[in-house]
Protein backbone atom coordinates (compact mmCIF):
# COMPACT_ATOMS: atom_id res chain seq x y z
CA MET A 1 -15.32 12.80 -22.14
CA ILE A 2 -19.13 12.67 -21.62
CA PRO A 3 -19.04 9.67 -19.19
CA GLN A 4 -16.27 11.39 -17.21
CA LEU A 5 -18.29 14.62 -17.05
CA LYS A 6 -21.38 12.71 -15.90
CA ARG A 7 -19.34 11.02 -13.18
CA LYS A 8 -18.03 14.35 -11.90
CA ILE A 9 -21.52 15.89 -11.91
CA GLY A 10 -22.86 12.89 -10.03
CA GLN A 11 -20.03 13.12 -7.51
CA LEU A 12 -20.73 16.80 -6.93
CA ALA A 13 -24.45 16.14 -6.47
CA SER A 14 -23.88 13.44 -3.84
CA ASP A 15 -20.92 14.96 -1.94
CA THR A 16 -22.04 17.79 0.35
CA ILE A 17 -18.50 18.29 1.68
CA LEU A 18 -17.12 18.78 -1.83
CA ARG A 19 -19.86 21.32 -2.55
CA LYS A 20 -19.00 23.15 0.67
CA TRP A 21 -15.35 23.30 -0.40
CA LEU A 22 -16.13 24.57 -3.89
CA ILE A 23 -18.47 27.26 -2.55
CA GLY A 24 -15.82 28.38 -0.05
CA ARG A 25 -13.22 28.56 -2.81
CA ALA A 26 -15.59 30.50 -5.10
CA LEU A 27 -16.25 33.01 -2.31
CA LEU A 28 -12.49 33.23 -1.58
CA ARG A 29 -13.08 32.06 1.99
CA LEU A 30 -10.89 29.00 1.59
CA LYS A 31 -7.31 28.89 0.40
CA GLY A 32 -6.38 26.38 -2.28
CA PRO A 33 -3.08 24.53 -2.77
CA ALA A 34 0.10 26.47 -3.51
CA VAL A 35 0.97 27.04 -7.17
CA PHE A 36 3.33 24.43 -8.59
CA THR A 37 4.86 23.31 -11.88
CA PRO A 38 3.82 19.72 -12.70
CA HIS A 39 6.62 17.17 -13.17
CA GLN A 40 9.28 19.53 -11.75
CA PRO A 41 9.98 19.15 -8.03
CA PRO A 42 11.55 22.45 -6.89
CA TYR A 43 14.47 20.73 -5.17
CA ILE A 44 15.89 19.34 -8.45
CA GLN A 45 15.64 22.38 -10.70
CA HIS A 46 19.44 22.46 -10.90
CA LEU A 47 19.44 18.91 -12.31
CA LEU A 48 16.81 19.42 -15.02
CA PRO A 49 16.58 19.00 -17.92
CA LEU A 50 18.50 15.78 -17.54
CA VAL A 51 21.82 15.50 -19.34
CA ILE A 52 21.77 12.08 -21.00
CA GLU A 53 25.30 10.76 -21.18
CA SER A 54 26.36 7.86 -23.37
CA PRO A 55 25.41 4.71 -21.47
CA GLU A 56 28.11 2.27 -20.52
CA TRP A 57 27.23 -0.96 -18.77
CA ASP A 58 28.89 -1.04 -15.35
CA ILE A 59 29.00 -4.79 -14.74
CA SER A 60 28.70 -6.52 -18.10
CA PRO A 61 26.67 -9.74 -17.96
CA PRO A 62 26.62 -12.09 -20.93
CA GLU A 63 24.14 -11.55 -23.74
CA LEU A 64 21.40 -14.13 -23.80
CA ALA A 65 21.37 -16.78 -26.47
CA LYS A 66 18.76 -16.07 -29.12
CA ALA A 67 17.24 -19.55 -29.05
CA PRO A 68 13.44 -19.37 -28.57
CA PRO A 69 11.68 -20.99 -25.59
CA ILE A 70 10.92 -24.64 -26.09
CA THR A 71 8.25 -25.15 -23.40
CA PRO A 72 5.24 -23.07 -22.28
CA MET A 73 5.55 -20.71 -19.33
CA ALA A 74 2.98 -20.74 -16.51
CA LEU A 75 2.62 -17.99 -13.91
CA GLU A 76 0.08 -16.01 -11.92
CA LEU A 77 -0.21 -12.28 -12.46
CA LEU A 78 -2.51 -10.21 -10.22
CA GLY A 79 -4.48 -13.30 -9.28
CA VAL A 80 -4.93 -14.42 -12.89
CA PRO A 81 -3.33 -17.81 -13.78
CA LEU A 82 -1.63 -17.62 -17.17
CA VAL A 83 0.00 -20.13 -19.50
CA PHE A 84 1.96 -18.79 -22.48
CA ASP A 85 2.65 -20.76 -25.62
CA GLN A 86 6.15 -20.30 -26.98
CA ASN A 87 4.67 -20.20 -30.48
CA LYS A 88 2.29 -17.31 -29.66
CA LEU A 89 4.46 -14.78 -27.86
CA VAL A 90 2.22 -11.87 -28.80
CA ASP A 91 -0.51 -13.39 -26.58
CA PHE A 92 1.55 -12.28 -23.58
CA LEU A 93 0.74 -8.68 -24.47
CA ASP A 94 -3.01 -9.29 -24.71
CA PRO A 95 -4.51 -7.47 -21.69
CA SER A 96 -6.79 -10.48 -20.91
CA SER A 97 -8.51 -8.39 -18.21
CA ASP A 98 -10.65 -5.29 -17.84
CA ASP A 99 -8.41 -4.09 -14.99
CA ILE A 100 -5.87 -1.55 -16.22
CA GLU A 101 -3.50 -2.74 -13.45
CA PHE A 102 -3.21 -6.09 -15.25
CA GLU A 103 -2.07 -4.37 -18.43
CA LEU A 104 0.36 -2.24 -16.42
CA ALA A 105 1.77 -5.34 -14.70
CA GLN A 106 2.53 -6.78 -18.13
CA HIS A 107 4.29 -3.57 -19.17
CA ARG A 108 6.22 -3.56 -15.90
CA PHE A 109 7.48 -7.13 -16.46
CA ALA A 110 6.17 -7.67 -12.95
CA TRP A 111 6.49 -11.43 -13.37
CA ILE A 112 10.30 -11.29 -13.41
CA PRO A 113 10.97 -11.13 -9.65
CA LEU A 114 8.18 -13.63 -8.89
CA ILE A 115 9.80 -16.50 -10.83
CA ALA A 116 12.52 -18.20 -8.78
CA ASP A 117 14.08 -20.00 -11.76
CA LEU A 118 13.93 -17.30 -14.39
CA ASP A 119 14.10 -18.85 -17.86
CA ALA A 120 16.60 -16.85 -19.93
CA ALA A 121 14.95 -17.94 -23.18
CA TRP A 122 11.58 -16.60 -22.07
CA LEU A 123 13.12 -13.33 -20.86
CA ASN A 124 14.82 -12.90 -24.22
CA ALA A 125 11.69 -13.72 -26.22
CA LEU A 126 9.24 -11.60 -24.20
CA TRP A 127 11.52 -8.57 -24.06
CA ARG A 128 12.04 -8.65 -27.82
CA THR A 129 8.30 -9.09 -28.36
CA TRP A 130 7.50 -6.13 -26.10
CA ARG A 131 10.24 -4.02 -27.63
CA GLY A 132 8.99 -4.61 -31.15
CA GLN A 133 5.48 -3.57 -30.22
CA PHE A 134 5.92 -0.74 -27.69
CA MET A 135 9.44 0.72 -27.75
CA ASN A 136 8.49 3.59 -30.04
CA THR A 137 5.01 4.25 -28.70
CA SER A 138 3.46 6.29 -25.89
CA GLY A 139 0.57 5.78 -23.48
CA TRP A 140 0.27 3.42 -20.53
CA ALA A 141 3.35 1.45 -21.55
CA TRP A 142 5.43 4.56 -20.77
CA HIS A 143 3.69 5.81 -17.65
CA PRO A 144 6.65 6.92 -15.46
CA TYR A 145 5.87 4.58 -12.55
CA THR A 146 5.49 1.67 -14.96
CA THR A 147 8.64 2.67 -16.85
CA ALA A 148 10.65 2.75 -13.61
CA GLU A 149 9.32 -0.64 -12.52
CA ARG A 150 10.12 -2.18 -15.91
CA ALA A 151 13.65 -0.74 -15.88
CA VAL A 152 14.37 -2.12 -12.40
CA ASN A 153 12.93 -5.54 -13.25
CA LEU A 154 14.99 -5.73 -16.44
CA LEU A 155 18.16 -4.72 -14.60
CA ASP A 156 17.54 -7.40 -11.99
CA ALA A 157 16.82 -9.99 -14.68
CA ALA A 158 20.03 -9.07 -16.51
CA GLY A 159 21.98 -9.59 -13.31
CA ARG A 160 20.41 -13.00 -12.79
CA CYS A 161 20.64 -14.52 -16.27
CA GLY A 162 22.08 -12.07 -18.82
CA ILE A 163 20.88 -9.19 -20.99
CA PRO A 164 18.05 -9.92 -23.45
CA ASP A 165 19.55 -8.10 -26.45
CA ALA A 166 22.80 -6.84 -27.95
CA LEU A 167 24.62 -4.77 -25.30
CA ASP A 168 24.62 -1.49 -27.25
CA VAL A 169 20.92 -1.83 -28.15
CA PHE A 170 19.89 -2.76 -24.61
CA THR A 171 21.79 0.08 -22.95
CA GLU A 172 20.30 2.62 -25.38
CA ASP A 173 16.84 1.23 -24.64
CA LEU A 174 17.45 1.66 -20.92
CA ALA A 175 18.69 5.21 -21.49
CA THR A 176 15.37 5.88 -23.24
CA HIS A 177 13.61 4.65 -20.10
CA ALA A 178 15.62 7.16 -18.05
CA ARG A 179 14.76 10.00 -20.42
CA GLU A 180 11.04 9.19 -20.29
CA ILE A 181 10.95 9.04 -16.50
CA SER A 182 12.89 12.29 -16.06
CA GLN A 183 10.60 14.17 -18.43
CA HIS A 184 7.38 13.02 -16.74
CA LEU A 185 8.23 12.92 -13.04
CA GLU A 186 5.10 12.35 -10.96
CA TYR A 187 5.25 15.61 -9.05
CA PHE A 188 1.93 17.41 -8.57
CA GLY A 189 2.62 19.82 -5.75
CA ASP A 190 3.17 19.07 -2.08
CA HIS A 191 -0.53 18.30 -1.63
CA ASP A 192 -0.94 15.72 -4.39
CA THR A 193 2.39 13.94 -4.88
CA SER A 194 2.23 10.30 -3.83
CA ASN A 195 4.85 7.61 -3.31
CA HIS A 196 5.19 7.36 -7.12
CA LEU A 197 7.80 10.12 -7.26
CA ALA A 198 10.11 8.19 -4.93
CA ASN A 199 9.74 5.19 -7.22
CA ASN A 200 10.60 7.40 -10.21
CA GLY A 201 13.78 8.24 -8.30
CA ARG A 202 14.46 4.57 -7.66
CA GLY A 203 14.27 3.80 -11.38
CA LEU A 204 16.55 6.72 -12.28
CA PHE A 205 19.08 5.84 -9.59
CA ARG A 206 19.23 2.16 -10.55
CA LEU A 207 19.67 3.09 -14.22
CA GLY A 208 22.29 5.71 -13.39
CA CYS A 209 24.33 3.17 -11.42
CA ALA A 210 24.08 0.39 -14.02
CA LEU A 211 24.76 2.61 -17.05
CA ARG A 212 27.55 4.71 -15.48
CA MET A 213 25.59 7.90 -16.01
CA PRO A 214 26.50 10.23 -13.10
CA HIS A 215 23.96 12.97 -13.90
CA LEU A 216 21.20 10.40 -13.99
CA ARG A 217 22.38 8.78 -10.77
CA ALA A 218 22.53 12.19 -9.05
CA LEU A 219 18.97 13.01 -10.12
CA GLY A 220 17.63 9.71 -8.83
CA TYR A 221 19.54 10.02 -5.56
CA GLU A 222 18.27 13.55 -4.92
CA ILE A 223 14.67 12.46 -5.49
CA LEU A 224 15.08 9.41 -3.24
CA CYS A 225 16.50 11.46 -0.38
CA CYS A 226 14.11 14.41 -0.62
CA GLU A 227 11.06 12.21 -1.05
CA ALA A 228 12.08 10.13 1.96
CA GLU A 229 11.79 13.31 4.05
CA ARG A 230 8.31 13.94 2.61
CA ILE A 231 6.68 10.51 2.48
CA ILE A 232 8.19 9.01 5.64
CA LEU A 233 6.59 10.33 8.80
CA GLU A 234 8.45 11.36 11.92
CA GLY A 235 8.18 7.92 13.50
CA GLY A 236 9.40 6.11 10.37
CA SER A 237 6.09 5.05 8.77
CA LEU A 238 5.25 5.54 5.12
CA ARG A 239 2.67 8.33 4.86
CA GLU A 240 0.18 6.29 2.85
CA GLY A 241 -2.01 4.47 5.39
CA SER A 242 -1.17 1.01 3.98
CA THR A 243 0.89 -1.67 5.70
CA HIS A 244 1.67 -3.40 2.40
CA TYR A 245 2.89 -0.21 0.76
CA HIS A 246 5.10 0.35 3.78
CA MET A 247 6.71 -3.04 3.15
CA LEU A 248 7.05 -2.19 -0.53
CA TYR A 249 9.09 0.88 0.36
CA VAL A 250 11.19 -1.08 2.84
CA ARG A 251 12.13 -3.18 -0.18
CA ASN A 252 12.61 -0.16 -2.46
CA TYR A 253 15.04 1.61 -0.16
CA ILE A 254 16.92 -1.61 0.59
CA ASP A 255 17.09 -2.09 -3.18
CA VAL A 256 18.68 1.31 -3.89
CA TRP A 257 21.03 0.96 -0.92
CA LEU A 258 22.28 -2.35 -2.34
CA ALA A 259 22.61 -0.82 -5.81
CA ALA A 260 24.77 2.01 -4.45
CA HIS A 261 26.90 -0.53 -2.56
CA ARG A 262 27.12 -2.82 -5.60
CA HIS A 263 28.42 -0.05 -7.83
CA GLY A 264 30.89 1.38 -5.33
CA ASN A 265 29.02 4.56 -4.27
CA ALA A 266 29.84 4.30 -0.57
CA GLN A 267 28.55 7.67 0.66
CA GLU A 268 25.20 7.28 -1.11
CA ALA A 269 24.96 3.69 0.13
CA GLU A 270 25.40 4.77 3.75
CA HIS A 271 22.65 7.38 3.57
CA LEU A 272 20.20 5.09 1.75
CA ARG A 273 20.90 2.33 4.27
CA GLY A 274 19.87 4.73 7.02
CA ILE A 275 16.54 5.46 5.30
CA ALA A 276 15.92 1.73 4.83
CA ALA A 277 16.63 1.16 8.53
CA ARG A 278 14.01 3.76 9.57
CA LEU A 279 11.38 1.99 7.48
CA LEU A 280 12.53 -1.43 8.68
CA ALA A 281 12.17 -0.44 12.34
CA VAL A 282 8.47 0.25 11.78
CA ALA A 283 8.02 -2.89 9.66
CA LYS A 284 9.09 -5.00 12.65
CA ARG A 285 6.14 -3.59 14.63
CA LEU A 286 3.50 -3.77 11.89
CA VAL A 287 3.78 -7.55 11.63
CA LEU A 288 1.58 -9.38 14.16
CA PRO A 289 2.36 -12.95 15.34
CA GLY A 290 0.07 -14.55 12.74
CA ARG A 291 0.72 -12.37 9.69
CA LEU A 292 1.14 -8.85 8.34
CA PRO A 293 -2.28 -7.17 8.69
CA LEU A 294 -3.23 -5.90 5.23
CA ILE A 295 -4.60 -2.56 6.40
CA GLY A 296 -5.21 -0.17 3.50
CA ASP A 297 -4.59 -0.97 -0.15
CA ILE A 298 -2.65 -3.98 -1.41
CA SER A 299 -0.20 -3.05 -4.13
CA PRO A 300 -0.47 -4.85 -7.47
CA ASP A 301 3.32 -4.70 -7.85
CA CYS A 302 3.94 -7.85 -5.83
CA PRO A 303 1.92 -10.18 -3.56
CA PRO A 304 2.32 -9.57 0.20
CA ALA A 305 3.66 -13.12 0.53
CA PHE A 306 6.63 -12.16 -1.67
CA LEU A 307 7.81 -9.72 1.01
CA ALA A 308 6.77 -11.79 4.04
CA GLY A 309 9.78 -11.87 6.36
CA ILE A 310 11.51 -8.77 5.00
CA GLU A 311 11.35 -7.30 8.51
CA ILE A 312 13.82 -9.99 9.61
CA GLY A 313 15.87 -9.74 6.42
CA ALA A 314 14.73 -12.92 4.68
CA CYS A 315 11.87 -13.19 2.17
CA ALA A 316 11.20 -14.40 -1.36
CA TRP A 317 12.49 -11.09 -2.74
CA THR A 318 15.84 -11.27 -0.89
CA GLU A 319 16.31 -14.78 -2.31
CA THR A 320 16.67 -13.17 -5.75
CA LEU A 321 19.79 -11.34 -4.49
CA SER A 322 23.34 -12.61 -4.42
CA TYR A 323 24.50 -14.44 -1.30
CA ASP A 324 26.62 -11.49 -0.16
CA GLU A 325 23.74 -9.05 -0.54
CA GLN A 326 21.40 -11.38 1.33
CA GLN A 327 23.86 -11.28 4.22
CA LEU A 328 23.94 -7.48 4.11
CA VAL A 329 20.15 -7.34 4.41
CA LYS A 330 20.12 -9.85 7.27
CA THR A 331 22.75 -7.80 9.10
CA LEU A 332 20.73 -4.62 8.64
CA ALA A 333 17.61 -6.35 9.99
CA LYS A 334 19.54 -7.74 12.96
CA GLU A 335 21.01 -4.34 13.83
CA THR A 336 17.70 -2.46 13.50
CA LEU A 337 15.66 -2.20 16.68
CA PRO A 338 11.85 -2.21 16.42
CA ALA A 339 10.19 1.20 16.50
CA THR A 340 8.80 2.23 19.88
CA SER A 341 5.08 2.37 20.56
CA GLU A 342 5.40 6.14 20.90
CA HIS A 343 6.92 6.48 17.43
CA LEU A 344 4.21 4.31 15.90
CA GLN A 345 1.42 6.18 17.66
CA ARG A 346 2.86 9.50 16.51
CA ASP A 347 2.47 8.24 12.94
CA GLY A 348 -1.09 7.02 13.46
CA TRP A 349 -0.51 3.32 14.19
CA VAL A 350 -1.29 1.55 17.46
CA ARG A 351 0.39 -1.79 18.14
CA ALA A 352 -0.36 -3.44 21.47
CA ASP A 353 0.32 -6.86 23.01
CA PHE A 354 -1.44 -8.24 26.11
CA GLY A 355 -0.55 -11.83 26.98
CA SER A 356 -2.06 -14.07 24.29
CA TRP A 357 -3.55 -11.04 22.48
CA SER A 358 -1.95 -8.78 19.86
CA MET A 359 -3.56 -5.98 17.87
CA LEU A 360 -2.81 -3.34 15.25
CA THR A 361 -5.07 -0.45 14.38
CA SER A 362 -4.84 2.75 12.37
CA ALA A 363 -5.58 6.07 14.11
CA PRO A 364 -4.06 9.02 12.23
CA SER A 365 -4.31 12.23 14.23
CA THR A 366 -6.46 14.00 11.63
CA GLY A 367 -8.78 11.00 11.39
CA TRP A 368 -9.25 11.44 7.65
CA PRO A 369 -7.87 8.69 5.38
CA LEU A 370 -4.50 9.97 4.21
CA MET A 371 -4.54 11.74 0.83
CA PRO A 372 -2.83 11.11 -1.45
CA GLY A 373 -2.37 7.61 -0.21
CA HIS A 374 -3.76 4.12 0.09
CA ALA A 375 -5.74 4.36 3.32
CA HIS A 376 -9.27 3.08 3.89
CA GLN A 377 -12.22 4.21 6.02
CA ASP A 378 -11.06 1.89 8.78
CA ILE A 379 -10.66 4.03 11.91
CA GLY A 380 -11.84 2.02 14.91
CA SER A 381 -11.21 -1.22 13.04
CA ALA A 382 -8.38 -3.44 14.28
CA GLU A 383 -6.66 -6.67 13.35
CA ILE A 384 -6.53 -8.88 16.45
CA HIS A 385 -4.58 -12.12 16.91
CA PHE A 386 -4.94 -14.66 19.70
CA ASP A 387 -2.30 -17.28 20.56
CA GLY A 388 -0.35 -16.25 17.47
CA GLN A 389 -3.23 -16.69 15.01
CA PRO A 390 -5.53 -14.12 13.34
CA LEU A 391 -8.94 -13.94 15.00
CA PHE A 392 -10.30 -10.69 13.54
CA VAL A 393 -8.70 -9.29 10.39
CA ASP A 394 -8.70 -6.36 8.03
CA PRO A 395 -10.21 -7.46 4.69
CA GLY A 396 -7.80 -5.38 2.55
CA ARG A 397 -8.76 -4.52 -1.02
CA GLY A 398 -8.33 -6.59 -4.16
CA ALA A 399 -8.60 -3.96 -6.90
CA TYR A 400 -8.45 -0.23 -7.48
CA GLY A 401 -11.39 1.83 -8.65
CA GLU A 402 -14.09 4.30 -7.68
CA THR A 403 -17.12 2.05 -8.16
CA GLY A 404 -18.41 -1.41 -7.34
CA GLU A 405 -16.40 -3.84 -5.26
CA ALA A 406 -13.23 -1.75 -5.49
CA ALA A 407 -14.97 1.19 -3.81
CA GLN A 408 -16.78 -1.04 -1.32
CA TYR A 409 -13.57 -2.53 0.07
CA ARG A 410 -12.17 0.92 0.72
CA SER A 411 -15.29 1.82 2.73
CA ALA A 412 -16.31 1.10 6.32
CA ALA A 413 -19.03 -1.23 5.00
CA VAL A 414 -16.64 -4.21 5.02
CA HIS A 415 -14.41 -3.29 7.98
CA SER A 416 -14.59 -4.06 11.69
CA GLY A 417 -15.45 -0.69 13.19
CA LEU A 418 -18.46 1.24 14.43
CA ARG A 419 -20.49 2.69 11.56
CA ILE A 420 -23.26 5.27 12.04
CA ASN A 421 -26.27 5.45 9.72
CA HIS A 422 -24.39 3.18 7.29
CA GLN A 423 -21.98 6.01 6.46
CA ASP A 424 -18.18 6.12 6.52
CA PRO A 425 -16.56 7.59 9.66
CA TYR A 426 -15.04 10.49 7.73
CA PRO A 427 -16.13 12.23 4.53
CA SER A 428 -14.41 11.33 1.30
CA ASN A 429 -11.02 13.06 1.32
CA LYS A 430 -9.57 15.14 -1.52
CA PRO A 431 -5.90 16.09 -1.98
CA TYR A 432 -6.76 19.74 -2.54
CA TYR A 433 -8.69 20.15 0.75
CA SER A 434 -6.72 22.26 3.21
CA ASP A 435 -6.08 21.08 6.78
CA ALA A 436 -8.05 24.07 8.06
CA PHE A 437 -11.06 23.03 5.98
CA ARG A 438 -10.83 19.45 7.18
CA GLN A 439 -10.86 20.63 10.80
CA THR A 440 -14.07 22.61 10.22
CA VAL A 441 -15.79 19.52 8.82
CA ALA A 442 -14.67 16.73 11.16
CA GLY A 443 -12.83 16.41 14.44
CA PRO A 444 -9.45 14.79 15.03
CA ALA A 445 -8.72 11.26 16.23
CA TRP A 446 -6.56 10.04 19.06
CA ALA A 447 -5.59 6.78 20.72
CA GLU A 448 -4.80 5.83 24.31
CA VAL A 449 -3.08 2.66 25.49
CA SER A 450 -3.01 1.47 29.11
CA ALA A 451 -2.13 -1.69 31.00
CA ASN A 452 -4.79 -3.91 29.41
CA ASP A 453 -6.79 -1.80 26.96
CA VAL A 454 -6.70 0.40 23.86
CA THR A 455 -9.12 3.24 23.11
CA VAL A 456 -9.58 5.08 19.81
CA THR A 457 -11.74 8.22 19.76
CA HIS A 458 -12.64 10.34 16.74
CA GLY A 459 -14.89 13.18 15.62
CA GLY A 460 -15.50 12.08 12.07
CA TYR A 461 -19.29 11.94 12.39
CA ARG A 462 -19.79 15.56 13.39
CA ARG A 463 -21.66 16.07 10.13
CA LEU A 464 -24.36 13.80 11.61
CA GLY A 465 -24.62 15.71 14.87
CA ILE A 466 -22.35 13.31 16.75
CA GLU A 467 -19.62 14.95 18.80
CA SER A 468 -17.43 11.85 19.15
CA VAL A 469 -17.33 8.10 18.65
CA GLN A 470 -15.18 5.81 20.75
CA ARG A 471 -14.17 2.16 20.70
CA THR A 472 -12.31 0.51 23.60
CA TRP A 473 -10.77 -2.96 23.49
CA VAL A 474 -10.18 -4.49 26.95
CA PHE A 475 -8.01 -7.62 26.98
CA ASP A 476 -8.10 -10.26 29.71
CA ASP A 477 -6.54 -13.72 29.78
CA ASN A 478 -9.19 -15.40 27.63
CA THR A 479 -11.65 -12.56 27.12
CA LEU A 480 -11.86 -9.53 24.85
CA THR A 481 -14.48 -6.90 25.66
CA ILE A 482 -15.23 -4.21 23.09
CA THR A 483 -17.18 -1.16 24.21
CA ASP A 484 -18.50 1.32 21.65
CA SER A 485 -19.71 4.77 22.65
CA ILE A 486 -21.49 7.65 20.93
CA LYS A 487 -21.80 11.19 22.27
CA GLY A 488 -24.27 13.26 20.31
CA ARG A 489 -27.90 14.03 19.67
CA GLY A 490 -30.79 12.47 17.77
CA GLN A 491 -31.50 8.89 16.78
CA HIS A 492 -28.97 6.89 14.80
CA VAL A 493 -28.41 3.38 13.50
CA ALA A 494 -25.30 1.95 15.13
CA GLU A 495 -23.61 -0.90 13.27
CA ARG A 496 -20.82 -2.70 15.12
CA ALA A 497 -18.84 -5.26 13.16
CA LEU A 498 -15.92 -7.66 13.29
CA VAL A 499 -14.42 -9.53 10.32
CA THR A 500 -13.07 -13.05 10.80
CA PRO A 501 -11.51 -15.62 8.45
CA HIS A 502 -12.91 -18.50 10.53
CA ASP A 503 -16.06 -20.58 10.34
CA VAL A 504 -18.94 -18.88 12.16
CA LYS A 505 -22.45 -19.83 13.16
CA ILE A 506 -25.22 -18.30 15.22
CA LYS A 507 -26.73 -20.12 18.17
CA ASP A 508 -29.51 -18.24 19.96
CA ASP A 509 -28.10 -14.70 20.39
CA LYS A 510 -24.48 -15.82 20.33
CA VAL A 511 -21.88 -16.26 17.59
CA ILE A 512 -19.63 -19.34 17.67
CA ILE A 513 -16.31 -18.75 15.94
CA ASN A 514 -14.45 -21.86 14.78
CA ASN A 515 -15.93 -23.73 17.77
CA LEU A 516 -13.31 -21.98 19.89
CA PHE A 517 -14.79 -18.57 20.71
CA ILE A 518 -18.21 -17.42 21.91
CA MET A 519 -19.24 -13.87 21.04
CA HIS A 520 -22.31 -11.84 22.01
CA ALA A 521 -23.49 -8.25 22.36
CA SER A 522 -25.28 -6.75 25.33
CA ASP A 523 -28.10 -5.17 23.33
CA ALA A 524 -28.38 -6.62 19.83
CA ARG A 525 -28.73 -9.91 17.99
CA PRO A 526 -26.02 -10.85 15.50
CA ARG A 527 -26.15 -11.36 11.76
CA ILE A 528 -23.44 -12.73 9.51
CA THR A 529 -22.66 -11.50 6.03
CA PRO A 530 -20.06 -12.97 3.65
CA VAL A 531 -16.99 -10.88 2.93
CA LYS A 532 -13.83 -11.38 0.93
CA ILE A 533 -10.50 -11.34 2.73
CA TRP A 534 -7.89 -10.28 0.23
CA GLU A 535 -4.53 -12.06 0.38
CA ALA A 536 -3.08 -10.22 -2.63
CA TYR A 537 -4.25 -7.93 -5.40
CA GLY A 538 -6.85 -9.99 -7.28
CA ARG A 539 -6.78 -12.97 -4.91
CA SER A 540 -9.07 -13.53 -1.93
CA ARG A 541 -10.56 -16.15 0.36
CA GLN A 542 -13.96 -16.26 2.00
CA GLY A 543 -14.54 -14.67 5.38
CA SER A 544 -17.45 -13.43 7.47
CA ARG A 545 -18.47 -10.06 8.84
CA ILE A 546 -20.26 -10.40 12.16
CA VAL A 547 -22.65 -7.48 12.65
CA PHE A 548 -24.63 -6.18 15.61
CA GLU A 549 -27.00 -3.38 14.62
CA ASN A 550 -29.58 -1.36 16.53
CA THR A 551 -31.15 2.07 16.68
CA VAL A 552 -29.80 4.25 19.49
CA SER A 553 -30.78 7.63 20.91
CA SER A 554 -28.46 10.51 21.79
CA SER A 555 -25.49 9.26 23.80
CA TRP A 556 -25.11 5.47 23.96
CA ASP A 557 -22.76 2.66 25.01
CA GLY A 558 -22.80 -0.91 23.78
CA THR A 559 -20.60 -3.91 24.59
CA ILE A 560 -19.45 -6.97 22.67
CA LYS A 561 -17.72 -9.81 24.54
CA ILE A 562 -15.55 -12.53 22.97
CA GLU A 563 -14.51 -15.47 25.17
CA ALA A 564 -11.96 -18.14 24.26
CA GLN A 565 -13.04 -21.65 25.23
CA ARG A 566 -9.93 -23.29 26.63
């Protein structure tokens, strides 16, 4: 309690925007969020409390043999390589990490979908070990998001290699999962409900289908449909500010569509397929020629590589499905047209292609990182590919947290934008801030795309006396010219940066990238700082952040030029 109180006091002391909000609320000048009842979305009041019917397995798989594993199991979980001894099963439940997400991944049985040849003996042994230790407990093991993930992973495992317990025991255990999720739905008002509630619905729907529990299935379906209207923006993007989370929800809605189809619920299947198609259309445009840019947070639930290719209907996850269901997903992907540039831009994403160049950048209209969500302070930062390969990338983030490296990789300090006075473009966002309050603090953002250039403009630095900041990328055959502009007053430190995964070196006032590109600025000498480029939660490779920094007065323009040597 005392450390938490100290943290909040420290946050209040350092955050002038938060103090401004609290003073406005105390003086009744600012309106707070609407009153709500936690855990009870208003659109499902007629379905709560949940009526728990007697579970009955819909498609009965065989029970697993009770023989113990005979060889160790090796896997990687959240970047941590693990080897489990069949004679020390309880070691699997040892957190082995200070990161709470690692413990949650164990409780979610997150390793199940990542193992192509799932060993039935290990599934049996680890489920029984977990059940004996946690089935009648509370705490993190029964957090609703974690409970839903575990339920889905167990259902998928049962379909692949059999149920890990007696049928009546296993179905009652799954019904307990449903009861726990329904009683602790992650609803916290319209202002502070994240994607978790949709995942709660996914778990309930999957359980309702598998256990022939119509009330449960109806509850999950209602949440999935209503949350799709809330968390999916007009153009079809997930309202979270993260490309990886968008892909995760492409998978989630494909998953529930297939479950409805599998269990003969045709009308529900048709509607869920339509939601999946909306998300899939955007996914096709988020992927650049060289990779999916990992803009925003990376989910710990599965590595990005596990979903690579889902936009075309074929990835490591779809390979865990039956042949017929794989064909259904491929057909959906084939029939789904990519989202238009206008739809993407409406949702705050800019995708542009100019000859050998491709880019993706985030420019939400409010400018603020989306809240609640998984966005970073990355406005004006772009991932840029040349000849089908990443040249400048978004570093992503390898862990969650409010301090240290986790906080740093959410900030502008490791991204590729224009940073003023070493501060983030926008103040730290809070879910309870009103849109009207945000507009009084910082200006909006907007993007423009023309025949050979992209411009992003924003008013996030108004708190520093700067009216607007602008970055323009101009693409030519073998040349990229980046012009940064400031309109304001006073002296400021302008830091322009680009992050690359390639080898870099400085020669005179120029930067040589991979011996293939020459880069220089019109008014500043470069420096290079090491940076991590995250490939998955907990796993990174080394990269470099190329920085040009100088002190500027009032309004200013500066140019960086990158030339391909070919």
